[in-house]
Amino acid sequence: MEQYHRAIFFTKVPLKGYYRYKDIFQIFPFDMDKMPTSIYQKHYPNVIEFKSTGEEEFTIPEQLKGLENLHQQAAILNTYQDKYFSLLTTFSNNLFFRYNDISGFWGVPILIDNPTAEEANCWSSKWCMSMYYFPDYAKQFQDKKFTELKLNEIQKIPHKDYFLNDPNLDFDTSKELVLPSTIDLLFDRFFSLEEQISETIETATYYNYSAIELKDSRKTLSLLASFTALETMVNLEYKDVNVEVCNGCGQNDCKGCGQPKYKVSKKFREFLLKYIGNSPVNKRKFNDYYSFRSKIVHTGQQLKSEPLFSDVSEVDIDNERITRIEILQLGKLAVTNWLLSKNNFEYEI
């Protein structure tokens, strides 16, 4: 039997409208009586509502025997959320996230807005839980059907401009969250895939999610996650291509070196030229990106600006920032443009 679920999630730029994909899920800003607010908040609370099929099955750990119903509900809630947040993060320029670790941390609660120095100096550290909660939360947070909303839909921007023209990857919190004009089509394409292929796409979106999640705290690892998302799509694209080995190509007196004729670097470049854009400039850039990826993986190279107090010029910092944005967007576009090209659907990428 189908069930409705509701949960709080967060974005780093404000959500001012709603987005609903058919009768599968919808997202909108959290707005309830007596909800906690702060002028200092960097995480904006929102609501996701979705349906589960009632056919989900999860293995019960031995230590949770006797708590099957509780485990089942928690597994459904978290599994669906993680899936939708990875997809939304890949299909947009923003991170959609929930708090995973509620084990706690030391922190200083900001008890009031605009405290005086005297007031703030009276505060002390408390053991805190990563959780958004208030006393009336349970009463107001019922989940028997989708909420009927009196909000405008989230603004949508043409696909190419959205991802390539000054994308706001949570950099500017004064701008509200917007979505690409292709968002419905992307979900249509995803939900129409065969199960095995959709699982591969989910894997790519998982790595894209990690790339965006780590982009400010672990810059080089963030790019490695984005490259992994891209290579997941490259492997999917060429999964049926037989790899032939050289048995005498005639170059440099080669008599059969046994190396693959279709190198990984060539597949990487050809995939990007097909789904991102084919031009001499792009070809050089994609080759440079693959070389950069190889240096990270094989030599341990990291970004010059990785250390917090790195002695790097502003020019180098700006150049690396542009490179980071481009690679993060490539990881997303590898998924979105691949999806838009499938099922005989004509869409100008």
C-alpha atoms as a PDB file:
ATOM      1  CA  MET A   1       0.000   0.000   0.000  1.00  0.00           C
ATOM      2  CA  GLU A   2       1.301   3.437  -0.903  1.00  0.00           C
ATOM      3  CA  GLN A   3       2.388   5.688   1.933  1.00  0.00           C
ATOM      4  CA  TYR A   4       3.011   9.411   2.131  1.00  0.00           C
ATOM      5  CA  HIS A   5       6.154  10.679   3.829  1.00  0.00           C
ATOM      6  CA  ARG A   6       7.380  14.110   4.834  1.00  0.00           C
ATOM      7  CA  ALA A   7      10.803  15.229   6.020  1.00  0.00           C
ATOM      8  CA  ILE A   8      12.877  18.344   6.532  1.00  0.00           C
ATOM      9  CA  PHE A   9      15.880  18.967   4.316  1.00  0.00           C
ATOM     10  CA  PHE A  10      18.173  21.923   3.739  1.00  0.00           C
ATOM     11  CA  THR A  11      19.619  24.109   1.003  1.00  0.00           C
ATOM     12  CA  LYS A  12      22.357  26.727   1.204  1.00  0.00           C
ATOM     13  CA  VAL A  13      20.404  29.280  -0.790  1.00  0.00           C
ATOM     14  CA  PRO A  14      16.773  30.072  -0.002  1.00  0.00           C
ATOM     15  CA  LEU A  15      13.944  28.184  -1.631  1.00  0.00           C
ATOM     16  CA  LYS A  16      11.147  30.697  -2.357  1.00  0.00           C
ATOM     17  CA  GLY A  17       8.765  28.531  -4.394  1.00  0.00           C
ATOM     18  CA  TYR A  18       7.812  24.901  -4.871  1.00  0.00           C
ATOM     19  CA  TYR A  19       8.660  22.154  -7.311  1.00  0.00           C
ATOM     20  CA  ARG A  20       6.456  19.106  -7.805  1.00  0.00           C
ATOM     21  CA  TYR A  21       7.213  16.163 -10.023  1.00  0.00           C
ATOM     22  CA  LYS A  22       3.890  14.554 -10.886  1.00  0.00           C
ATOM     23  CA  ASP A  23       2.501  12.628  -7.893  1.00  0.00           C
ATOM     24  CA  ILE A  24       5.923  11.312  -6.926  1.00  0.00           C
ATOM     25  CA  PHE A  25       7.429  14.082  -4.775  1.00  0.00           C
ATOM     26  CA  GLN A  26       7.384  17.799  -4.117  1.00  0.00           C
ATOM     27  CA  ILE A  27       9.640  20.276  -2.319  1.00  0.00           C
ATOM     28  CA  PHE A  28       8.833  23.651  -0.785  1.00  0.00           C
ATOM     29  CA  PRO A  29      10.149  26.026   1.915  1.00  0.00           C
ATOM     30  CA  PHE A  30       9.433  25.108   5.528  1.00  0.00           C
ATOM     31  CA  ASP A  31       6.955  27.572   7.031  1.00  0.00           C
ATOM     32  CA  MET A  32       5.127  26.651  10.245  1.00  0.00           C
ATOM     33  CA  ASP A  33       4.009  28.379  13.401  1.00  0.00           C
ATOM     34  CA  LYS A  34       6.703  28.792  16.068  1.00  0.00           C
ATOM     35  CA  MET A  35       9.429  27.399  13.800  1.00  0.00           C
ATOM     36  CA  PRO A  36      12.996  28.362  14.796  1.00  0.00           C
ATOM     37  CA  THR A  37      14.623  31.071  12.693  1.00  0.00           C
ATOM     38  CA  SER A  38      17.919  32.924  12.792  1.00  0.00           C
ATOM     39  CA  ILE A  39      19.378  35.836  10.893  1.00  0.00           C
ATOM     40  CA  TYR A  40      22.674  33.929  10.915  1.00  0.00           C
ATOM     41  CA  GLN A  41      21.447  30.701   9.350  1.00  0.00           C
ATOM     42  CA  LYS A  42      23.465  29.202   6.506  1.00  0.00           C
ATOM     43  CA  HIS A  43      21.174  26.195   6.079  1.00  0.00           C
ATOM     44  CA  TYR A  44      17.639  26.973   4.936  1.00  0.00           C
ATOM     45  CA  PRO A  45      15.001  24.452   6.117  1.00  0.00           C
ATOM     46  CA  ASN A  46      12.616  23.025   3.507  1.00  0.00           C
ATOM     47  CA  VAL A  47      10.138  20.170   3.206  1.00  0.00           C
ATOM     48  CA  ILE A  48      10.129  17.176   0.895  1.00  0.00           C
ATOM     49  CA  GLU A  49       6.975  15.096   0.499  1.00  0.00           C
ATOM     50  CA  PHE A  50       7.001  11.813  -1.389  1.00  0.00           C
ATOM     51  CA  LYS A  51       5.232   8.503  -1.794  1.00  0.00           C
ATOM     52  CA  SER A  52       6.623   5.024  -1.220  1.00  0.00           C
ATOM     53  CA  THR A  53       5.178   1.978  -2.969  1.00  0.00           C
ATOM     54  CA  GLY A  54       4.752  -0.257   0.060  1.00  0.00           C
ATOM     55  CA  GLU A  55       6.743  -2.953  -1.747  1.00  0.00           C
ATOM     56  CA  GLU A  56      10.158  -1.971  -0.374  1.00  0.00           C
ATOM     57  CA  GLU A  57      12.073  -4.622   1.525  1.00  0.00           C
ATOM     58  CA  PHE A  58      15.133  -4.046   3.695  1.00  0.00           C
ATOM     59  CA  THR A  59      17.229  -6.556   5.567  1.00  0.00           C
ATOM     60  CA  ILE A  60      16.785  -6.238   9.334  1.00  0.00           C
ATOM     61  CA  PRO A  61      20.096  -6.200  11.265  1.00  0.00           C
ATOM     62  CA  GLU A  62      20.281  -8.840  13.977  1.00  0.00           C
ATOM     63  CA  GLN A  63      20.553  -6.232  16.733  1.00  0.00           C
ATOM     64  CA  LEU A  64      17.258  -4.647  15.593  1.00  0.00           C
ATOM     65  CA  LYS A  65      15.126  -7.799  15.733  1.00  0.00           C
ATOM     66  CA  GLY A  66      11.792  -6.860  17.283  1.00  0.00           C
ATOM     67  CA  LEU A  67      11.981  -3.332  15.833  1.00  0.00           C
ATOM     68  CA  GLU A  68      11.127  -4.302  12.276  1.00  0.00           C
ATOM     69  CA  ASN A  69       8.458  -1.627  11.718  1.00  0.00           C
ATOM     70  CA  LEU A  70      10.649   1.161  13.053  1.00  0.00           C
ATOM     71  CA  HIS A  71      13.599   0.010  10.958  1.00  0.00           C
ATOM     72  CA  GLN A  72      11.429  -0.283   7.837  1.00  0.00           C
ATOM     73  CA  GLN A  73      10.080   3.256   8.189  1.00  0.00           C
ATOM     74  CA  ALA A  74      13.534   4.718   8.819  1.00  0.00           C
ATOM     75  CA  ALA A  75      14.993   2.811   5.856  1.00  0.00           C
ATOM     76  CA  ILE A  76      12.226   4.003   3.518  1.00  0.00           C
ATOM     77  CA  LEU A  77      12.493   7.616   4.683  1.00  0.00           C
ATOM     78  CA  ASN A  78      16.264   7.820   4.346  1.00  0.00           C
ATOM     79  CA  THR A  79      16.616   5.762   1.149  1.00  0.00           C
ATOM     80  CA  TYR A  80      14.075   7.829  -0.788  1.00  0.00           C
ATOM     81  CA  GLN A  81      15.484  11.095   0.505  1.00  0.00           C
ATOM     82  CA  ASP A  82      19.042  10.208  -0.461  1.00  0.00           C
ATOM     83  CA  LYS A  83      17.903   9.188  -3.933  1.00  0.00           C
ATOM     84  CA  TYR A  84      15.920  12.365  -4.572  1.00  0.00           C
ATOM     85  CA  PHE A  85      18.576  14.659  -3.085  1.00  0.00           C
ATOM     86  CA  SER A  86      21.308  13.109  -5.255  1.00  0.00           C
ATOM     87  CA  LEU A  87      19.113  13.517  -8.332  1.00  0.00           C
ATOM     88  CA  LEU A  88      18.108  17.093  -7.471  1.00  0.00           C
ATOM     89  CA  THR A  89      21.719  18.050  -6.721  1.00  0.00           C
ATOM     90  CA  THR A  90      22.799  16.618 -10.091  1.00  0.00           C
ATOM     91  CA  PHE A  91      19.890  18.188 -11.989  1.00  0.00           C
ATOM     92  CA  SER A  92      20.504  21.628 -10.455  1.00  0.00           C
ATOM     93  CA  ASN A  93      23.314  23.931  -9.328  1.00  0.00           C
ATOM     94  CA  ASN A  94      22.664  23.458  -5.624  1.00  0.00           C
ATOM     95  CA  LEU A  95      23.150  21.007  -2.778  1.00  0.00           C
ATOM     96  CA  PHE A  96      19.976  19.404  -1.389  1.00  0.00           C
ATOM     97  CA  PHE A  97      20.852  17.706   1.878  1.00  0.00           C
ATOM     98  CA  ARG A  98      19.737  16.320   5.218  1.00  0.00           C
ATOM     99  CA  TYR A  99      21.662  15.907   8.452  1.00  0.00           C
ATOM    100  CA  ASN A 100      23.089  12.390   8.491  1.00  0.00           C
ATOM    101  CA  ASP A 101      25.130  12.425  11.681  1.00  0.00           C
ATOM    102  CA  ILE A 102      23.066  13.155  14.794  1.00  0.00           C
ATOM    103  CA  SER A 103      25.640  11.750  17.221  1.00  0.00           C
ATOM    104  CA  GLY A 104      26.337  15.297  18.330  1.00  0.00           C
ATOM    105  CA  PHE A 105      29.077  17.930  18.552  1.00  0.00           C
ATOM    106  CA  TRP A 106      30.244  20.724  20.843  1.00  0.00           C
ATOM    107  CA  GLY A 107      28.825  24.109  19.884  1.00  0.00           C
ATOM    108  CA  VAL A 108      27.810  27.501  21.232  1.00  0.00           C
ATOM    109  CA  PRO A 109      24.060  28.078  20.683  1.00  0.00           C
ATOM    110  CA  ILE A 110      23.299  31.565  19.371  1.00  0.00           C
ATOM    111  CA  LEU A 111      20.431  32.257  21.747  1.00  0.00           C
ATOM    112  CA  ILE A 112      19.326  35.625  20.381  1.00  0.00           C
ATOM    113  CA  ASP A 113      19.843  37.676  17.230  1.00  0.00           C
ATOM    114  CA  ASN A 114      22.182  40.674  17.448  1.00  0.00           C
ATOM    115  CA  PRO A 115      23.492  39.986  20.972  1.00  0.00           C
ATOM    116  CA  THR A 116      25.574  42.564  22.753  1.00  0.00           C
ATOM    117  CA  ALA A 117      29.164  41.650  23.574  1.00  0.00           C
ATOM    118  CA  GLU A 118      28.180  41.333  27.223  1.00  0.00           C
ATOM    119  CA  GLU A 119      25.332  38.928  26.392  1.00  0.00           C
ATOM    120  CA  ALA A 120      27.434  36.810  24.043  1.00  0.00           C
ATOM    121  CA  ASN A 121      30.258  36.539  26.591  1.00  0.00           C
ATOM    122  CA  CYS A 122      27.827  34.875  28.996  1.00  0.00           C
ATOM    123  CA  TRP A 123      27.201  31.959  26.615  1.00  0.00           C
ATOM    124  CA  SER A 124      29.060  28.679  26.883  1.00  0.00           C
ATOM    125  CA  SER A 125      29.437  25.516  24.845  1.00  0.00           C
ATOM    126  CA  LYS A 126      26.693  22.888  24.900  1.00  0.00           C
ATOM    127  CA  TRP A 127      26.565  19.369  23.500  1.00  0.00           C
ATOM    128  CA  CYS A 128      24.367  19.784  20.407  1.00  0.00           C
ATOM    129  CA  MET A 129      22.569  17.467  17.987  1.00  0.00           C
ATOM    130  CA  SER A 130      22.342  18.181  14.265  1.00  0.00           C
ATOM    131  CA  MET A 131      18.583  18.389  14.161  1.00  0.00           C
ATOM    132  CA  TYR A 132      15.875  20.898  13.265  1.00  0.00           C
ATOM    133  CA  TYR A 133      13.167  20.571  15.887  1.00  0.00           C
ATOM    134  CA  PHE A 134      10.692  22.494  18.036  1.00  0.00           C
ATOM    135  CA  PRO A 135       7.889  21.434  20.438  1.00  0.00           C
ATOM    136  CA  ASP A 136       4.972  21.777  17.986  1.00  0.00           C
ATOM    137  CA  TYR A 137       6.850  20.030  15.176  1.00  0.00           C
ATOM    138  CA  ALA A 138       5.083  16.658  15.457  1.00  0.00           C
ATOM    139  CA  LYS A 139       1.608  18.203  15.680  1.00  0.00           C
ATOM    140  CA  GLN A 140       2.046  20.228  12.511  1.00  0.00           C
ATOM    141  CA  PHE A 141       4.069  17.698  10.551  1.00  0.00           C
ATOM    142  CA  GLN A 142       1.396  15.234   9.426  1.00  0.00           C
ATOM    143  CA  ASP A 143       1.929  13.265   6.228  1.00  0.00           C
ATOM    144  CA  LYS A 144      -1.340  11.773   4.981  1.00  0.00           C
ATOM    145  CA  LYS A 145      -1.295  13.555   1.621  1.00  0.00           C
ATOM    146  CA  PHE A 146       0.642  16.121  -0.374  1.00  0.00           C
ATOM    147  CA  THR A 147       0.290  19.646   0.992  1.00  0.00           C
ATOM    148  CA  GLU A 148      -1.850  21.963  -1.105  1.00  0.00           C
ATOM    149  CA  LEU A 149       0.430  24.929  -1.647  1.00  0.00           C
ATOM    150  CA  LYS A 150      -0.296  28.600  -2.258  1.00  0.00           C
ATOM    151  CA  LEU A 151       3.157  29.350  -3.589  1.00  0.00           C
ATOM    152  CA  ASN A 152       4.619  30.151  -6.969  1.00  0.00           C
ATOM    153  CA  GLU A 153       6.615  27.474  -8.728  1.00  0.00           C
ATOM    154  CA  ILE A 154      10.393  27.745  -8.554  1.00  0.00           C
ATOM    155  CA  GLN A 155      11.698  29.824 -11.460  1.00  0.00           C
ATOM    156  CA  LYS A 156      13.178  27.847 -14.349  1.00  0.00           C
ATOM    157  CA  ILE A 157      16.088  28.883 -16.596  1.00  0.00           C
ATOM    158  CA  PRO A 158      16.943  27.498 -20.093  1.00  0.00           C
ATOM    159  CA  HIS A 159      19.100  24.398 -19.731  1.00  0.00           C
ATOM    160  CA  LYS A 160      22.345  25.587 -21.322  1.00  0.00           C
ATOM    161  CA  ASP A 161      22.288  29.039 -19.695  1.00  0.00           C
ATOM    162  CA  TYR A 162      21.446  27.478 -16.345  1.00  0.00           C
ATOM    163  CA  PHE A 163      24.484  25.202 -16.191  1.00  0.00           C
ATOM    164  CA  LEU A 164      27.027  27.228 -18.192  1.00  0.00           C
ATOM    165  CA  ASN A 165      26.288  30.933 -17.712  1.00  0.00           C
ATOM    166  CA  ASP A 166      27.617  31.993 -14.295  1.00  0.00           C
ATOM    167  CA  PRO A 167      26.023  29.105 -12.318  1.00  0.00           C
ATOM    168  CA  ASN A 168      25.375  29.850  -8.644  1.00  0.00           C
ATOM    169  CA  LEU A 169      26.812  26.772  -6.946  1.00  0.00           C
ATOM    170  CA  ASP A 170      25.613  28.020  -3.554  1.00  0.00           C
ATOM    171  CA  PHE A 171      28.165  30.850  -3.755  1.00  0.00           C
ATOM    172  CA  ASP A 172      25.671  33.718  -3.468  1.00  0.00           C
ATOM    173  CA  THR A 173      23.095  33.181  -0.714  1.00  0.00           C
ATOM    174  CA  SER A 174      21.328  36.439  -1.597  1.00  0.00           C
ATOM    175  CA  LYS A 175      19.964  34.742  -4.742  1.00  0.00           C
ATOM    176  CA  GLU A 176      17.053  32.343  -4.485  1.00  0.00           C
ATOM    177  CA  LEU A 177      17.241  28.795  -5.786  1.00  0.00           C
ATOM    178  CA  VAL A 178      16.222  28.297  -9.427  1.00  0.00           C
ATOM    179  CA  LEU A 179      15.995  25.167 -11.593  1.00  0.00           C
ATOM    180  CA  PRO A 180      16.715  24.287 -15.238  1.00  0.00           C
ATOM    181  CA  SER A 181      13.829  24.325 -17.711  1.00  0.00           C
ATOM    182  CA  THR A 182      14.532  20.634 -18.399  1.00  0.00           C
ATOM    183  CA  ILE A 183      13.961  19.446 -14.816  1.00  0.00           C
ATOM    184  CA  ASP A 184      10.700  17.580 -15.603  1.00  0.00           C
ATOM    185  CA  LEU A 185      12.224  15.975 -18.697  1.00  0.00           C
ATOM    186  CA  LEU A 186      15.231  14.822 -16.710  1.00  0.00           C
ATOM    187  CA  PHE A 187      13.032  13.046 -14.180  1.00  0.00           C
ATOM    188  CA  ASP A 188      10.892  11.630 -17.007  1.00  0.00           C
ATOM    189  CA  ARG A 189      13.990  10.178 -18.650  1.00  0.00           C
ATOM    190  CA  PHE A 190      15.344   8.812 -15.376  1.00  0.00           C
ATOM    191  CA  PHE A 191      12.140   7.074 -14.305  1.00  0.00           C
ATOM    192  CA  SER A 192      11.724   5.521 -17.768  1.00  0.00           C
ATOM    193  CA  LEU A 193      15.110   3.747 -17.662  1.00  0.00           C
ATOM    194  CA  GLU A 194      15.653   0.045 -17.219  1.00  0.00           C
ATOM    195  CA  GLU A 195      16.504  -0.849 -13.651  1.00  0.00           C
ATOM    196  CA  GLN A 196      20.152  -1.715 -14.309  1.00  0.00           C
ATOM    197  CA  ILE A 197      20.785   1.539 -16.158  1.00  0.00           C
ATOM    198  CA  SER A 198      18.933   3.632 -13.575  1.00  0.00           C
ATOM    199  CA  GLU A 199      21.146   2.113 -10.878  1.00  0.00           C
ATOM    200  CA  THR A 200      24.214   3.246 -12.814  1.00  0.00           C
ATOM    201  CA  ILE A 201      22.756   6.744 -13.142  1.00  0.00           C
ATOM    202  CA  GLU A 202      22.092   6.793  -9.388  1.00  0.00           C
ATOM    203  CA  THR A 203      25.733   5.889  -8.814  1.00  0.00           C
ATOM    204  CA  ALA A 204      26.818   8.847 -10.958  1.00  0.00           C
ATOM    205  CA  THR A 205      24.458  11.178  -9.083  1.00  0.00           C
ATOM    206  CA  TYR A 206      25.867   9.909  -5.782  1.00  0.00           C
ATOM    207  CA  TYR A 207      29.353  10.985  -6.865  1.00  0.00           C
ATOM    208  CA  ASN A 208      28.023  14.322  -8.114  1.00  0.00           C
ATOM    209  CA  TYR A 209      26.392  14.847  -4.740  1.00  0.00           C
ATOM    210  CA  SER A 210      29.721  14.143  -2.993  1.00  0.00           C
ATOM    211  CA  ALA A 211      31.484  16.531  -5.374  1.00  0.00           C
ATOM    212  CA  ILE A 212      29.174  19.398  -4.449  1.00  0.00           C
ATOM    213  CA  GLU A 213      29.134  18.473  -0.757  1.00  0.00           C
ATOM    214  CA  LEU A 214      32.959  18.591  -0.590  1.00  0.00           C
ATOM    215  CA  LYS A 215      33.581  21.507  -2.953  1.00  0.00           C
ATOM    216  CA  ASP A 216      34.519  24.003  -0.209  1.00  0.00           C
ATOM    217  CA  SER A 217      36.050  21.723   2.430  1.00  0.00           C
ATOM    218  CA  ARG A 218      37.969  19.146   0.340  1.00  0.00           C
ATOM    219  CA  LYS A 219      38.454  20.765  -3.057  1.00  0.00           C
ATOM    220  CA  THR A 220      40.647  18.143  -4.701  1.00  0.00           C
ATOM    221  CA  LEU A 221      38.545  15.222  -3.448  1.00  0.00           C
ATOM    222  CA  SER A 222      35.495  17.103  -4.719  1.00  0.00           C
ATOM    223  CA  LEU A 223      36.957  17.151  -8.231  1.00  0.00           C
ATOM    224  CA  LEU A 224      37.897  13.480  -7.975  1.00  0.00           C
ATOM    225  CA  ALA A 225      34.258  12.689  -7.117  1.00  0.00           C
ATOM    226  CA  SER A 226      33.111  14.728 -10.132  1.00  0.00           C
ATOM    227  CA  PHE A 227      35.555  12.899 -12.408  1.00  0.00           C
ATOM    228  CA  THR A 228      34.242   9.593 -11.023  1.00  0.00           C
ATOM    229  CA  ALA A 229      30.659  10.614 -11.853  1.00  0.00           C
ATOM    230  CA  LEU A 230      31.804  11.475 -15.371  1.00  0.00           C
ATOM    231  CA  GLU A 231      33.684   8.196 -15.813  1.00  0.00           C
ATOM    232  CA  THR A 232      30.650   6.281 -14.562  1.00  0.00           C
ATOM    233  CA  MET A 233      28.732   7.772 -17.486  1.00  0.00           C
ATOM    234  CA  VAL A 234      31.597   7.086 -19.911  1.00  0.00           C
ATOM    235  CA  ASN A 235      31.594   3.419 -18.874  1.00  0.00           C
ATOM    236  CA  LEU A 236      27.823   3.278 -19.336  1.00  0.00           C
ATOM    237  CA  GLU A 237      28.076   4.832 -22.797  1.00  0.00           C
ATOM    238  CA  TYR A 238      30.722   2.351 -23.972  1.00  0.00           C
ATOM    239  CA  LYS A 239      29.626  -0.731 -22.030  1.00  0.00           C
ATOM    240  CA  ASP A 240      28.827  -2.635 -25.261  1.00  0.00           C
ATOM    241  CA  VAL A 241      31.987  -1.605 -27.126  1.00  0.00           C
ATOM    242  CA  ASN A 242      34.436  -4.453 -27.603  1.00  0.00           C
ATOM    243  CA  VAL A 243      37.971  -3.434 -26.730  1.00  0.00           C
ATOM    244  CA  GLU A 244      40.392  -4.511 -29.458  1.00  0.00           C
ATOM    245  CA  VAL A 245      44.102  -4.776 -28.763  1.00  0.00           C
ATOM    246  CA  CYS A 246      46.850  -3.694 -31.126  1.00  0.00           C
ATOM    247  CA  ASN A 247      48.324  -6.520 -33.206  1.00  0.00           C
ATOM    248  CA  GLY A 248      50.521  -4.333 -35.354  1.00  0.00           C
ATOM    249  CA  CYS A 249      49.389  -0.805 -36.043  1.00  0.00           C
ATOM    250  CA  GLY A 250      52.407   0.115 -38.172  1.00  0.00           C
ATOM    251  CA  GLN A 251      53.325   3.125 -36.054  1.00  0.00           C
ATOM    252  CA  ASN A 252      56.938   3.330 -34.851  1.00  0.00           C
ATOM    253  CA  ASP A 253      57.572  -0.164 -36.291  1.00  0.00           C
ATOM    254  CA  CYS A 254      54.909  -1.595 -33.953  1.00  0.00           C
ATOM    255  CA  LYS A 255      54.582  -5.346 -34.308  1.00  0.00           C
ATOM    256  CA  GLY A 256      51.746  -5.799 -31.883  1.00  0.00           C
ATOM    257  CA  CYS A 257      52.086  -4.072 -28.521  1.00  0.00           C
ATOM    258  CA  GLY A 258      48.880  -5.569 -27.100  1.00  0.00           C
ATOM    259  CA  GLN A 259      47.613  -2.205 -25.851  1.00  0.00           C
ATOM    260  CA  PRO A 260      43.892  -1.381 -26.168  1.00  0.00           C
ATOM    261  CA  LYS A 261      43.147   0.482 -29.389  1.00  0.00           C
ATOM    262  CA  TYR A 262      40.420   2.488 -27.690  1.00  0.00           C
ATOM    263  CA  LYS A 263      42.119   4.060 -24.682  1.00  0.00           C
ATOM    264  CA  VAL A 264      40.281   5.301 -21.622  1.00  0.00           C
ATOM    265  CA  SER A 265      41.468   8.838 -22.368  1.00  0.00           C
ATOM    266  CA  LYS A 266      39.963   8.642 -25.858  1.00  0.00           C
ATOM    267  CA  LYS A 267      36.597   7.420 -24.532  1.00  0.00           C
ATOM    268  CA  PHE A 268      36.663  10.214 -21.955  1.00  0.00           C
ATOM    269  CA  ARG A 269      37.281  12.840 -24.639  1.00  0.00           C
ATOM    270  CA  GLU A 270      34.850  11.387 -27.191  1.00  0.00           C
ATOM    271  CA  PHE A 271      32.060  11.221 -24.612  1.00  0.00           C
ATOM    272  CA  LEU A 272      32.500  14.877 -23.702  1.00  0.00           C
ATOM    273  CA  LEU A 273      32.727  15.982 -27.316  1.00  0.00           C
ATOM    274  CA  LYS A 274      29.450  14.165 -28.003  1.00  0.00           C
ATOM    275  CA  TYR A 275      27.441  15.298 -24.973  1.00  0.00           C
ATOM    276  CA  ILE A 276      29.019  18.643 -24.035  1.00  0.00           C
ATOM    277  CA  GLY A 277      30.159  20.165 -27.319  1.00  0.00           C
ATOM    278  CA  ASN A 278      32.483  19.340 -30.208  1.00  0.00           C
ATOM    279  CA  SER A 279      35.038  22.019 -31.019  1.00  0.00           C
ATOM    280  CA  PRO A 280      38.836  22.319 -31.217  1.00  0.00           C
ATOM    281  CA  VAL A 281      38.821  24.424 -28.031  1.00  0.00           C
ATOM    282  CA  ASN A 282      36.774  21.833 -26.165  1.00  0.00           C
ATOM    283  CA  LYS A 283      38.984  19.017 -27.427  1.00  0.00           C
ATOM    284  CA  ARG A 284      42.090  20.668 -25.965  1.00  0.00           C
ATOM    285  CA  LYS A 285      40.283  21.481 -22.735  1.00  0.00           C
ATOM    286  CA  PHE A 286      38.953  17.941 -22.280  1.00  0.00           C
ATOM    287  CA  ASN A 287      42.433  16.528 -22.875  1.00  0.00           C
ATOM    288  CA  ASP A 288      43.776  18.907 -20.219  1.00  0.00           C
ATOM    289  CA  TYR A 289      41.076  17.802 -17.771  1.00  0.00           C
ATOM    290  CA  TYR A 290      41.912  14.143 -18.293  1.00  0.00           C
ATOM    291  CA  SER A 291      45.593  14.893 -17.732  1.00  0.00           C
ATOM    292  CA  PHE A 292      44.700  16.780 -14.545  1.00  0.00           C
ATOM    293  CA  ARG A 293      42.527  13.888 -13.376  1.00  0.00           C
ATOM    294  CA  SER A 294      45.400  11.450 -13.967  1.00  0.00           C
ATOM    295  CA  LYS A 295      47.806  13.589 -11.951  1.00  0.00           C
ATOM    296  CA  ILE A 296      45.390  13.607  -9.005  1.00  0.00           C
ATOM    297  CA  VAL A 297      44.865   9.838  -9.149  1.00  0.00           C
ATOM    298  CA  HIS A 298      48.372   8.664  -9.994  1.00  0.00           C
ATOM    299  CA  THR A 299      50.713  11.258  -8.467  1.00  0.00           C
ATOM    300  CA  GLY A 300      48.653  12.680  -5.602  1.00  0.00           C
ATOM    301  CA  GLN A 301      48.622  16.187  -7.040  1.00  0.00           C
ATOM    302  CA  GLN A 302      46.246  18.565  -5.314  1.00  0.00           C
ATOM    303  CA  LEU A 303      44.993  22.050  -6.043  1.00  0.00           C
ATOM    304  CA  LYS A 304      47.370  24.865  -5.153  1.00  0.00           C
ATOM    305  CA  SER A 305      44.580  26.550  -3.194  1.00  0.00           C
ATOM    306  CA  GLU A 306      43.723  23.399  -1.212  1.00  0.00           C
ATOM    307  CA  PRO A 307      45.516  24.404   2.028  1.00  0.00           C
ATOM    308  CA  LEU A 308      43.549  26.988   3.987  1.00  0.00           C
ATOM    309  CA  PHE A 309      46.493  29.379   4.264  1.00  0.00           C
ATOM    310  CA  SER A 310      48.167  28.591   0.959  1.00  0.00           C
ATOM    311  CA  ASP A 311      50.773  30.976  -0.456  1.00  0.00           C
ATOM    312  CA  VAL A 312      49.106  31.273  -3.845  1.00  0.00           C
ATOM    313  CA  SER A 313      48.532  34.322  -6.026  1.00  0.00           C
ATOM    314  CA  GLU A 314      45.043  35.666  -6.565  1.00  0.00           C
ATOM    315  CA  VAL A 315      45.407  34.851 -10.269  1.00  0.00           C
ATOM    316  CA  ASP A 316      46.058  31.174  -9.494  1.00  0.00           C
ATOM    317  CA  ILE A 317      43.174  31.094  -7.016  1.00  0.00           C
ATOM    318  CA  ASP A 318      40.789  32.561  -9.610  1.00  0.00           C
ATOM    319  CA  ASN A 319      42.013  30.188 -12.331  1.00  0.00           C
ATOM    320  CA  GLU A 320      41.550  27.171 -10.055  1.00  0.00           C
ATOM    321  CA  ARG A 321      38.104  28.399  -9.048  1.00  0.00           C
ATOM    322  CA  ILE A 322      37.044  28.547 -12.703  1.00  0.00           C
ATOM    323  CA  THR A 323      38.517  25.088 -13.337  1.00  0.00           C
ATOM    324  CA  ARG A 324      36.691  23.682 -10.322  1.00  0.00           C
ATOM    325  CA  ILE A 325      33.350  25.099 -11.473  1.00  0.00           C
ATOM    326  CA  GLU A 326      33.849  23.750 -14.992  1.00  0.00           C
ATOM    327  CA  ILE A 327      34.712  20.244 -13.780  1.00  0.00           C
ATOM    328  CA  LEU A 328      31.818  20.193 -11.302  1.00  0.00           C
ATOM    329  CA  GLN A 329      29.450  21.205 -14.097  1.00  0.00           C
ATOM    330  CA  LEU A 330      30.890  18.572 -16.443  1.00  0.00           C
ATOM    331  CA  GLY A 331      30.031  15.884 -13.901  1.00  0.00           C
ATOM    332  CA  LYS A 332      26.434  17.076 -13.856  1.00  0.00           C
ATOM    333  CA  LEU A 333      26.126  17.664 -17.593  1.00  0.00           C
ATOM    334  CA  ALA A 334      27.491  14.181 -18.262  1.00  0.00           C
ATOM    335  CA  VAL A 335      24.327  12.853 -16.602  1.00  0.00           C
ATOM    336  CA  THR A 336      21.775  15.463 -17.672  1.00  0.00           C
ATOM    337  CA  ASN A 337      22.793  15.674 -21.345  1.00  0.00           C
ATOM    338  CA  TRP A 338      23.044  11.889 -21.602  1.00  0.00           C
ATOM    339  CA  LEU A 339      19.507  11.566 -20.228  1.00  0.00           C
ATOM    340  CA  LEU A 340      18.136  14.237 -22.558  1.00  0.00           C
ATOM    341  CA  SER A 341      19.518  12.387 -25.571  1.00  0.00           C
ATOM    342  CA  LYS A 342      17.850   9.061 -24.738  1.00  0.00           C
ATOM    343  CA  ASN A 343      14.536   7.432 -25.686  1.00  0.00           C
ATOM    344  CA  ASN A 344      14.619   9.002 -29.161  1.00  0.00           C
ATOM    345  CA  PHE A 345      13.880  12.315 -27.572  1.00  0.00           C
ATOM    346  CA  GLU A 346      15.152  15.242 -29.600  1.00  0.00           C
ATOM    347  CA  TYR A 347      16.531  18.003 -27.443  1.00  0.00           C
ATOM    348  CA  GLU A 348      19.197  20.487 -28.456  1.00  0.00           C
ATOM    349  CA  ILE A 349      22.037  20.151 -25.963  1.00  0.00           C
END
